[in-house]
Every structure is written in C-alpha cells, then in structure tokens.
Amino acid sequence: MSRSASIAVFPASRQRNLVQDIARQLSTLHGVSALTFWKDTARDLVALAVQRGSSEPEARDEVRRVFSAVQAELQAGLWSATGSSAGIEERARL
C-alpha cells in the first residue's frame, strides 16, 4: 500500500534566525552592495522553496514575506552598523 505524504515546511519568513541574519547583513551594506545581496538572497530563497515543493508563485510570495520581516527587523533598529543587537533602551537614549 502506498501513501502520499504532505510535508509542511516552516515558512522562511517565520524563521527568526534567518530573518535576523539577513537584517544583520543588510545593516552593514548600502546602495548597490545591499541591492545585490538582497537579490542574491531572494533568488536563493525562491530556488530553495521550489526545490522543497512550492510552486514558483508561492515561493515568490514567501520571499515577499521574508522581505517584510527583514524590513520590520531593520526598522525596529535592533541592528547597529556592526551587526550587533542595539536594544530598545539604547535607541531611546539617542
């Protein structure tokens, strides 16, 4: 008897370490370097999602959610230019 299995992959946008790592990297880059890094990262994330069974449109939607999560992380100001956690109290003093 053969059964088909369905595997649910934890969404990349909910992978805190991934989002923080991308935010940390982007916080140290500017201009063309930041754009190139993001495009390379997005392309890799789409390829990985498709490899794991997502359709191309689903994969691109998930990368958009990753982008939003990274933007929220950066806007929260939790990453300094050195890539370390700055903390809310430290930001409040500025």
PDB file of N, CA and C in Angstrom:
ATOM      1  N   MET A   1       0.842  -1.169   0.000  1.00  0.00           N
ATOM      2  CA  MET A   1       0.000   0.000   0.000  1.00  0.00           C
ATOM      3  C   MET A   1       0.893   1.241   0.000  1.00  0.00           C
ATOM      4  N   SER A   2       0.575   2.141  -0.855  1.00  0.00           N
ATOM      5  CA  SER A   2       1.360   3.367  -0.998  1.00  0.00           C
ATOM      6  C   SER A   2       0.560   4.554  -0.472  1.00  0.00           C
ATOM      7  N   ARG A   3       1.215   5.378   0.297  1.00  0.00           N
ATOM      8  CA  ARG A   3       0.575   6.596   0.808  1.00  0.00           C
ATOM      9  C   ARG A   3       1.336   7.797   0.296  1.00  0.00           C
ATOM     10  N   SER A   4       0.615   8.837  -0.005  1.00  0.00           N
ATOM     11  CA  SER A   4       1.308  10.073  -0.351  1.00  0.00           C
ATOM     12  C   SER A   4       1.396  10.914   0.916  1.00  0.00           C
ATOM     13  N   ALA A   5       2.529  11.489   1.112  1.00  0.00           N
ATOM     14  CA  ALA A   5       2.746  12.302   2.308  1.00  0.00           C
ATOM     15  C   ALA A   5       2.820  13.766   1.920  1.00  0.00           C
ATOM     16  N   SER A   6       2.319  14.565   2.798  1.00  0.00           N
ATOM     17  CA  SER A   6       2.388  16.003   2.597  1.00  0.00           C
ATOM     18  C   SER A   6       3.321  16.568   3.656  1.00  0.00           C
ATOM     19  N   ILE A   7       4.291  17.311   3.218  1.00  0.00           N
ATOM     20  CA  ILE A   7       5.255  17.895   4.144  1.00  0.00           C
ATOM     21  C   ILE A   7       5.029  19.399   4.187  1.00  0.00           C
ATOM     22  N   ALA A   8       4.828  19.901   5.378  1.00  0.00           N
ATOM     23  CA  ALA A   8       4.670  21.341   5.557  1.00  0.00           C
ATOM     24  C   ALA A   8       6.005  21.919   5.992  1.00  0.00           C
ATOM     25  N   VAL A   9       6.509  22.837   5.209  1.00  0.00           N
ATOM     26  CA  VAL A   9       7.787  23.473   5.521  1.00  0.00           C
ATOM     27  C   VAL A   9       7.502  24.735   6.317  1.00  0.00           C
ATOM     28  N   PHE A  10       8.244  24.924   7.399  1.00  0.00           N
ATOM     29  CA  PHE A  10       8.095  26.129   8.202  1.00  0.00           C
ATOM     30  C   PHE A  10       8.452  27.320   7.330  1.00  0.00           C
ATOM     31  N   PRO A  11       7.570  28.297   7.205  1.00  0.00           N
ATOM     32  CA  PRO A  11       7.825  29.423   6.300  1.00  0.00           C
ATOM     33  C   PRO A  11       9.125  30.165   6.643  1.00  0.00           C
ATOM     34  N   ALA A  12       9.864  30.513   5.612  1.00  0.00           N
ATOM     35  CA  ALA A  12      11.125  31.236   5.808  1.00  0.00           C
ATOM     36  C   ALA A  12      10.909  32.548   6.547  1.00  0.00           C
ATOM     37  N   SER A  13       9.788  33.195   6.303  1.00  0.00           N
ATOM     38  CA  SER A  13       9.518  34.482   6.949  1.00  0.00           C
ATOM     39  C   SER A  13       9.313  34.348   8.450  1.00  0.00           C
ATOM     40  N   ARG A  14       9.078  33.141   8.932  1.00  0.00           N
ATOM     41  CA  ARG A  14       8.878  32.901  10.357  1.00  0.00           C
ATOM     42  C   ARG A  14      10.137  32.325  11.014  1.00  0.00           C
ATOM     43  N   GLN A  15      11.186  32.146  10.222  1.00  0.00           N
ATOM     44  CA  GLN A  15      12.445  31.621  10.751  1.00  0.00           C
ATOM     45  C   GLN A  15      13.265  32.793  11.286  1.00  0.00           C
ATOM     46  N   ARG A  16      13.144  33.008  12.578  1.00  0.00           N
ATOM     47  CA  ARG A  16      13.726  34.183  13.235  1.00  0.00           C
ATOM     48  C   ARG A  16      15.223  34.336  12.954  1.00  0.00           C
ATOM     49  N   ASN A  17      15.968  33.245  13.050  1.00  0.00           N
ATOM     50  CA  ASN A  17      17.411  33.330  12.820  1.00  0.00           C
ATOM     51  C   ASN A  17      17.729  33.763  11.394  1.00  0.00           C
ATOM     52  N   LEU A  18      16.973  33.233  10.435  1.00  0.00           N
ATOM     53  CA  LEU A  18      17.181  33.606   9.035  1.00  0.00           C
ATOM     54  C   LEU A  18      16.912  35.094   8.838  1.00  0.00           C
ATOM     55  N   VAL A  19      15.779  35.554   9.348  1.00  0.00           N
ATOM     56  CA  VAL A  19      15.406  36.973   9.206  1.00  0.00           C
ATOM     57  C   VAL A  19      16.451  37.860   9.878  1.00  0.00           C
ATOM     58  N   GLN A  20      16.885  37.495  11.072  1.00  0.00           N
ATOM     59  CA  GLN A  20      17.892  38.293  11.780  1.00  0.00           C
ATOM     60  C   GLN A  20      19.232  38.288  11.046  1.00  0.00           C
ATOM     61  N   ASP A  21      19.621  37.143  10.505  1.00  0.00           N
ATOM     62  CA  ASP A  21      20.888  37.078   9.767  1.00  0.00           C
ATOM     63  C   ASP A  21      20.862  37.976   8.532  1.00  0.00           C
ATOM     64  N   ILE A  22      19.748  37.950   7.814  1.00  0.00           N
ATOM     65  CA  ILE A  22      19.622  38.804   6.627  1.00  0.00           C
ATOM     66  C   ILE A  22      19.642  40.272   7.045  1.00  0.00           C
ATOM     67  N   ALA A  23      18.911  40.619   8.100  1.00  0.00           N
ATOM     68  CA  ALA A  23      18.886  42.006   8.585  1.00  0.00           C
ATOM     69  C   ALA A  23      20.278  42.444   9.024  1.00  0.00           C
ATOM     70  N   ARG A  24      20.981  41.576   9.698  1.00  0.00           N
ATOM     71  CA  ARG A  24      22.338  41.904  10.167  1.00  0.00           C
ATOM     72  C   ARG A  24      23.251  42.214   8.978  1.00  0.00           C
ATOM     73  N   GLN A  25      23.170  41.359   7.959  1.00  0.00           N
ATOM     74  CA  GLN A  25      23.992  41.583   6.761  1.00  0.00           C
ATOM     75  C   GLN A  25      23.616  42.895   6.067  1.00  0.00           C
ATOM     76  N   LEU A  26      22.318  43.107   5.878  1.00  0.00           N
ATOM     77  CA  LEU A  26      21.876  44.324   5.188  1.00  0.00           C
ATOM     78  C   LEU A  26      22.227  45.584   5.956  1.00  0.00           C
ATOM     79  N   SER A  27      22.274  45.497   7.277  1.00  0.00           N
ATOM     80  CA  SER A  27      22.584  46.685   8.072  1.00  0.00           C
ATOM     81  C   SER A  27      24.015  47.169   7.852  1.00  0.00           C
ATOM     82  N   THR A  28      24.847  46.315   7.290  1.00  0.00           N
ATOM     83  CA  THR A  28      26.243  46.697   7.050  1.00  0.00           C
ATOM     84  C   THR A  28      26.491  47.099   5.597  1.00  0.00           C
ATOM     85  N   LEU A  29      25.456  46.989   4.761  1.00  0.00           N
ATOM     86  CA  LEU A  29      25.614  47.260   3.331  1.00  0.00           C
ATOM     87  C   LEU A  29      24.789  48.471   2.920  1.00  0.00           C
ATOM     88  N   HIS A  30      25.200  49.109   1.826  1.00  0.00           N
ATOM     89  CA  HIS A  30      24.486  50.271   1.305  1.00  0.00           C
ATOM     90  C   HIS A  30      24.500  50.228  -0.216  1.00  0.00           C
ATOM     91  N   GLY A  31      23.510  50.876  -0.810  1.00  0.00           N
ATOM     92  CA  GLY A  31      23.484  51.048  -2.258  1.00  0.00           C
ATOM     93  C   GLY A  31      23.492  49.750  -3.037  1.00  0.00           C
ATOM     94  N   VAL A  32      24.356  49.700  -4.037  1.00  0.00           N
ATOM     95  CA  VAL A  32      24.433  48.557  -4.943  1.00  0.00           C
ATOM     96  C   VAL A  32      24.775  47.273  -4.193  1.00  0.00           C
ATOM     97  N   SER A  33      25.633  47.370  -3.201  1.00  0.00           N
ATOM     98  CA  SER A  33      26.009  46.167  -2.434  1.00  0.00           C
ATOM     99  C   SER A  33      24.794  45.572  -1.718  1.00  0.00           C
ATOM    100  N   ALA A  34      23.971  46.420  -1.117  1.00  0.00           N
ATOM    101  CA  ALA A  34      22.773  45.950  -0.424  1.00  0.00           C
ATOM    102  C   ALA A  34      21.787  45.343  -1.418  1.00  0.00           C
ATOM    103  N   LEU A  35      21.603  46.010  -2.554  1.00  0.00           N
ATOM    104  CA  LEU A  35      20.682  45.518  -3.575  1.00  0.00           C
ATOM    105  C   LEU A  35      21.135  44.159  -4.113  1.00  0.00           C
ATOM    106  N   THR A  36      22.418  44.044  -4.398  1.00  0.00           N
ATOM    107  CA  THR A  36      22.972  42.782  -4.899  1.00  0.00           C
ATOM    108  C   THR A  36      22.799  41.673  -3.868  1.00  0.00           C
ATOM    109  N   PHE A  37      23.104  41.966  -2.611  1.00  0.00           N
ATOM    110  CA  PHE A  37      22.943  40.972  -1.553  1.00  0.00           C
ATOM    111  C   PHE A  37      21.495  40.509  -1.477  1.00  0.00           C
ATOM    112  N   TRP A  38      20.542  41.457  -1.473  1.00  0.00           N
ATOM    113  CA  TRP A  38      19.139  41.074  -1.372  1.00  0.00           C
ATOM    114  C   TRP A  38      18.697  40.258  -2.576  1.00  0.00           C
ATOM    115  N   LYS A  39      19.067  40.675  -3.793  1.00  0.00           N
ATOM    116  CA  LYS A  39      18.669  39.930  -4.990  1.00  0.00           C
ATOM    117  C   LYS A  39      19.215  38.507  -4.959  1.00  0.00           C
ATOM    118  N   ASP A  40      20.467  38.350  -4.561  1.00  0.00           N
ATOM    119  CA  ASP A  40      21.067  37.014  -4.455  1.00  0.00           C
ATOM    120  C   ASP A  40      20.348  36.175  -3.405  1.00  0.00           C
ATOM    121  N   THR A  41      20.047  36.789  -2.261  1.00  0.00           N
ATOM    122  CA  THR A  41      19.352  36.091  -1.183  1.00  0.00           C
ATOM    123  C   THR A  41      17.950  35.681  -1.632  1.00  0.00           C
ATOM    124  N   ALA A  42      17.221  36.593  -2.256  1.00  0.00           N
ATOM    125  CA  ALA A  42      15.863  36.314  -2.723  1.00  0.00           C
ATOM    126  C   ALA A  42      15.874  35.174  -3.746  1.00  0.00           C
ATOM    127  N   ARG A  43      16.806  35.222  -4.677  1.00  0.00           N
ATOM    128  CA  ARG A  43      16.908  34.174  -5.694  1.00  0.00           C
ATOM    129  C   ARG A  43      17.166  32.817  -5.037  1.00  0.00           C
ATOM    130  N   ASP A  44      18.070  32.788  -4.051  1.00  0.00           N
ATOM    131  CA  ASP A  44      18.382  31.540  -3.349  1.00  0.00           C
ATOM    132  C   ASP A  44      17.176  31.023  -2.567  1.00  0.00           C
ATOM    133  N   LEU A  45      16.435  31.930  -1.924  1.00  0.00           N
ATOM    134  CA  LEU A  45      15.254  31.521  -1.165  1.00  0.00           C
ATOM    135  C   LEU A  45      14.160  30.961  -2.076  1.00  0.00           C
ATOM    136  N   VAL A  46      13.957  31.579  -3.236  1.00  0.00           N
ATOM    137  CA  VAL A  46      12.975  31.080  -4.196  1.00  0.00           C
ATOM    138  C   VAL A  46      13.393  29.688  -4.669  1.00  0.00           C
ATOM    139  N   ALA A  47      14.644  29.533  -5.032  1.00  0.00           N
ATOM    140  CA  ALA A  47      15.130  28.232  -5.516  1.00  0.00           C
ATOM    141  C   ALA A  47      14.960  27.152  -4.450  1.00  0.00           C
ATOM    142  N   LEU A  48      15.269  27.468  -3.205  1.00  0.00           N
ATOM    143  CA  LEU A  48      15.134  26.502  -2.117  1.00  0.00           C
ATOM    144  C   LEU A  48      13.670  26.114  -1.906  1.00  0.00           C
ATOM    145  N   ALA A  49      12.780  27.099  -1.929  1.00  0.00           N
ATOM    146  CA  ALA A  49      11.355  26.813  -1.738  1.00  0.00           C
ATOM    147  C   ALA A  49      10.811  25.943  -2.866  1.00  0.00           C
ATOM    148  N   VAL A  50      11.209  26.227  -4.095  1.00  0.00           N
ATOM    149  CA  VAL A  50      10.766  25.420  -5.240  1.00  0.00           C
ATOM    150  C   VAL A  50      11.326  24.005  -5.119  1.00  0.00           C
ATOM    151  N   GLN A  51      12.573  23.895  -4.718  1.00  0.00           N
ATOM    152  CA  GLN A  51      13.196  22.588  -4.530  1.00  0.00           C
ATOM    153  C   GLN A  51      12.443  21.779  -3.469  1.00  0.00           C
ATOM    154  N   ARG A  52      11.893  22.461  -2.470  1.00  0.00           N
ATOM    155  CA  ARG A  52      11.163  21.792  -1.390  1.00  0.00           C
ATOM    156  C   ARG A  52       9.694  21.553  -1.728  1.00  0.00           C
ATOM    157  N   GLY A  53       9.282  21.930  -2.949  1.00  0.00           N
ATOM    158  CA  GLY A  53       7.938  21.590  -3.388  1.00  0.00           C
ATOM    159  C   GLY A  53       6.968  22.739  -3.581  1.00  0.00           C
ATOM    160  N   SER A  54       7.378  23.959  -3.311  1.00  0.00           N
ATOM    161  CA  SER A  54       6.496  25.108  -3.540  1.00  0.00           C
ATOM    162  C   SER A  54       6.453  25.430  -5.025  1.00  0.00           C
ATOM    163  N   SER A  55       5.347  25.983  -5.453  1.00  0.00           N
ATOM    164  CA  SER A  55       5.289  26.482  -6.827  1.00  0.00           C
ATOM    165  C   SER A  55       6.080  27.790  -6.864  1.00  0.00           C
ATOM    166  N   GLU A  56       6.437  28.203  -8.049  1.00  0.00           N
ATOM    167  CA  GLU A  56       7.183  29.461  -8.204  1.00  0.00           C
ATOM    168  C   GLU A  56       6.416  30.653  -7.616  1.00  0.00           C
ATOM    169  N   PRO A  57       5.111  30.796  -7.910  1.00  0.00           N
ATOM    170  CA  PRO A  57       4.368  31.923  -7.308  1.00  0.00           C
ATOM    171  C   PRO A  57       4.322  31.857  -5.779  1.00  0.00           C
ATOM    172  N   GLU A  58       4.145  30.656  -5.228  1.00  0.00           N
ATOM    173  CA  GLU A  58       4.152  30.513  -3.767  1.00  0.00           C
ATOM    174  C   GLU A  58       5.507  30.903  -3.185  1.00  0.00           C
ATOM    175  N   ALA A  59       6.568  30.476  -3.857  1.00  0.00           N
ATOM    176  CA  ALA A  59       7.921  30.783  -3.396  1.00  0.00           C
ATOM    177  C   ALA A  59       8.172  32.291  -3.423  1.00  0.00           C
ATOM    178  N   ARG A  60       7.739  32.942  -4.481  1.00  0.00           N
ATOM    179  CA  ARG A  60       7.931  34.395  -4.582  1.00  0.00           C
ATOM    180  C   ARG A  60       7.117  35.136  -3.515  1.00  0.00           C
ATOM    181  N   ASP A  61       5.907  34.650  -3.234  1.00  0.00           N
ATOM    182  CA  ASP A  61       5.107  35.249  -2.161  1.00  0.00           C
ATOM    183  C   ASP A  61       5.813  35.116  -0.815  1.00  0.00           C
ATOM    184  N   GLU A  62       6.409  33.958  -0.573  1.00  0.00           N
ATOM    185  CA  GLU A  62       7.113  33.761   0.692  1.00  0.00           C
ATOM    186  C   GLU A  62       8.331  34.679   0.787  1.00  0.00           C
ATOM    187  N   VAL A  63       9.036  34.883  -0.313  1.00  0.00           N
ATOM    188  CA  VAL A  63      10.188  35.793  -0.304  1.00  0.00           C
ATOM    189  C   VAL A  63       9.715  37.222  -0.017  1.00  0.00           C
ATOM    190  N   ARG A  64       8.547  37.583  -0.504  1.00  0.00           N
ATOM    191  CA  ARG A  64       7.995  38.906  -0.172  1.00  0.00           C
ATOM    192  C   ARG A  64       7.742  39.015   1.329  1.00  0.00           C
ATOM    193  N   ARG A  65       7.253  37.927   1.924  1.00  0.00           N
ATOM    194  CA  ARG A  65       7.029  37.931   3.375  1.00  0.00           C
ATOM    195  C   ARG A  65       8.352  38.004   4.134  1.00  0.00           C
ATOM    196  N   VAL A  66       9.390  37.340   3.620  1.00  0.00           N
ATOM    197  CA  VAL A  66      10.723  37.440   4.233  1.00  0.00           C
ATOM    198  C   VAL A  66      11.191  38.886   4.154  1.00  0.00           C
ATOM    199  N   PHE A  67      11.025  39.508   2.996  1.00  0.00           N
ATOM    200  CA  PHE A  67      11.436  40.903   2.825  1.00  0.00           C
ATOM    201  C   PHE A  67      10.737  41.800   3.846  1.00  0.00           C
ATOM    202  N   SER A  68       9.434  41.589   4.036  1.00  0.00           N
ATOM    203  CA  SER A  68       8.689  42.386   5.017  1.00  0.00           C
ATOM    204  C   SER A  68       9.206  42.146   6.430  1.00  0.00           C
ATOM    205  N   ALA A  69       9.507  40.899   6.757  1.00  0.00           N
ATOM    206  CA  ALA A  69      10.028  40.578   8.095  1.00  0.00           C
ATOM    207  C   ALA A  69      11.402  41.208   8.311  1.00  0.00           C
ATOM    208  N   VAL A  70      12.244  41.186   7.283  1.00  0.00           N
ATOM    209  CA  VAL A  70      13.574  41.808   7.373  1.00  0.00           C
ATOM    210  C   VAL A  70      13.425  43.315   7.527  1.00  0.00           C
ATOM    211  N   GLN A  71      12.525  43.919   6.764  1.00  0.00           N
ATOM    212  CA  GLN A  71      12.297  45.360   6.866  1.00  0.00           C
ATOM    213  C   GLN A  71      11.823  45.733   8.265  1.00  0.00           C
ATOM    214  N   ALA A  72      10.932  44.938   8.821  1.00  0.00           N
ATOM    215  CA  ALA A  72      10.447  45.201  10.185  1.00  0.00           C
ATOM    216  C   ALA A  72      11.594  45.112  11.181  1.00  0.00           C
ATOM    217  N   GLU A  73      12.467  44.144  10.992  1.00  0.00           N
ATOM    218  CA  GLU A  73      13.628  43.976  11.867  1.00  0.00           C
ATOM    219  C   GLU A  73      14.547  45.195  11.762  1.00  0.00           C
ATOM    220  N   LEU A  74      14.801  45.640  10.544  1.00  0.00           N
ATOM    221  CA  LEU A  74      15.668  46.803  10.339  1.00  0.00           C
ATOM    222  C   LEU A  74      15.021  48.076  10.884  1.00  0.00           C
ATOM    223  N   GLN A  75      13.726  48.249  10.665  1.00  0.00           N
ATOM    224  CA  GLN A  75      13.037  49.443  11.139  1.00  0.00           C
ATOM    225  C   GLN A  75      12.940  49.490  12.656  1.00  0.00           C
ATOM    226  N   ALA A  76      12.930  48.329  13.272  1.00  0.00           N
ATOM    227  CA  ALA A  76      12.906  48.284  14.733  1.00  0.00           C
ATOM    228  C   ALA A  76      14.231  48.786  15.298  1.00  0.00           C
ATOM    229  N   GLY A  77      15.242  48.875  14.433  1.00  0.00           N
ATOM    230  CA  GLY A  77      16.537  49.403  14.852  1.00  0.00           C
ATOM    231  C   GLY A  77      17.316  48.486  15.755  1.00  0.00           C
ATOM    232  N   LEU A  78      17.070  47.191  15.620  1.00  0.00           N
ATOM    233  CA  LEU A  78      17.747  46.252  16.502  1.00  0.00           C
ATOM    234  C   LEU A  78      19.159  45.910  16.047  1.00  0.00           C
ATOM    235  N   TRP A  79      19.537  46.338  14.849  1.00  0.00           N
ATOM    236  CA  TRP A  79      20.877  46.010  14.352  1.00  0.00           C
ATOM    237  C   TRP A  79      21.655  47.288  14.111  1.00  0.00           C
ATOM    238  N   SER A  80      22.790  47.389  14.726  1.00  0.00           N
ATOM    239  CA  SER A  80      23.666  48.539  14.505  1.00  0.00           C
ATOM    240  C   SER A  80      24.499  48.276  13.265  1.00  0.00           C
ATOM    241  N   ALA A  81      25.295  49.226  12.883  1.00  0.00           N
ATOM    242  CA  ALA A  81      26.149  49.072  11.709  1.00  0.00           C
ATOM    243  C   ALA A  81      27.165  47.952  11.891  1.00  0.00           C
ATOM    244  N   THR A  82      27.448  47.586  13.124  1.00  0.00           N
ATOM    245  CA  THR A  82      28.396  46.495  13.361  1.00  0.00           C
ATOM    246  C   THR A  82      27.706  45.140  13.364  1.00  0.00           C
ATOM    247  N   GLY A  83      26.354  45.143  13.279  1.00  0.00           N
ATOM    248  CA  GLY A  83      25.630  43.891  13.228  1.00  0.00           C
ATOM    249  C   GLY A  83      25.269  43.341  14.588  1.00  0.00           C
ATOM    250  N   SER A  84      25.493  44.092  15.640  1.00  0.00           N
ATOM    251  CA  SER A  84      25.138  43.598  16.971  1.00  0.00           C
ATOM    252  C   SER A  84      23.797  44.157  17.394  1.00  0.00           C
ATOM    253  N   SER A  85      23.184  43.518  18.341  1.00  0.00           N
ATOM    254  CA  SER A  85      21.876  43.958  18.822  1.00  0.00           C
ATOM    255  C   SER A  85      22.044  45.238  19.638  1.00  0.00           C
ATOM    256  N   ALA A  86      21.324  46.286  19.260  1.00  0.00           N
ATOM    257  CA  ALA A  86      21.458  47.562  19.948  1.00  0.00           C
ATOM    258  C   ALA A  86      20.514  47.651  21.147  1.00  0.00           C
ATOM    259  N   GLY A  87      19.329  47.085  21.054  1.00  0.00           N
ATOM    260  CA  GLY A  87      18.375  47.106  22.157  1.00  0.00           C
ATOM    261  C   GLY A  87      17.543  48.367  22.161  1.00  0.00           C
ATOM    262  N   ILE A  88      16.355  48.248  22.692  1.00  0.00           N
ATOM    263  CA  ILE A  88      15.411  49.370  22.697  1.00  0.00           C
ATOM    264  C   ILE A  88      15.866  50.481  23.620  1.00  0.00           C
ATOM    265  N   GLU A  89      16.380  50.145  24.807  1.00  0.00           N
ATOM    266  CA  GLU A  89      16.811  51.168  25.742  1.00  0.00           C
ATOM    267  C   GLU A  89      17.934  52.026  25.163  1.00  0.00           C
ATOM    268  N   GLU A  90      18.843  51.395  24.476  1.00  0.00           N
ATOM    269  CA  GLU A  90      19.962  52.127  23.859  1.00  0.00           C
ATOM    270  C   GLU A  90      19.460  53.095  22.799  1.00  0.00           C
ATOM    271  N   ARG A  91      18.476  52.658  22.005  1.00  0.00           N
ATOM    272  CA  ARG A  91      17.921  53.533  20.962  1.00  0.00           C
ATOM    273  C   ARG A  91      17.200  54.713  21.581  1.00  0.00           C
ATOM    274  N   ALA A  92      16.533  54.499  22.691  1.00  0.00           N
ATOM    275  CA  ALA A  92      15.756  55.552  23.332  1.00  0.00           C
ATOM    276  C   ALA A  92      16.660  56.690  23.817  1.00  0.00           C
ATOM    277  N   ARG A  93      17.908  56.394  24.134  1.00  0.00           N
ATOM    278  CA  ARG A  93      18.834  57.410  24.604  1.00  0.00           C
ATOM    279  C   ARG A  93      19.346  58.284  23.471  1.00  0.00           C
ATOM    280  N   LEU A  94      19.239  57.824  22.240  1.00  0.00           N
ATOM    281  CA  LEU A  94      19.788  58.589  21.097  1.00  0.00           C
ATOM    282  C   LEU A  94      18.973  59.766  20.727  1.00  0.00           C
TER     283      LEU A  94
END
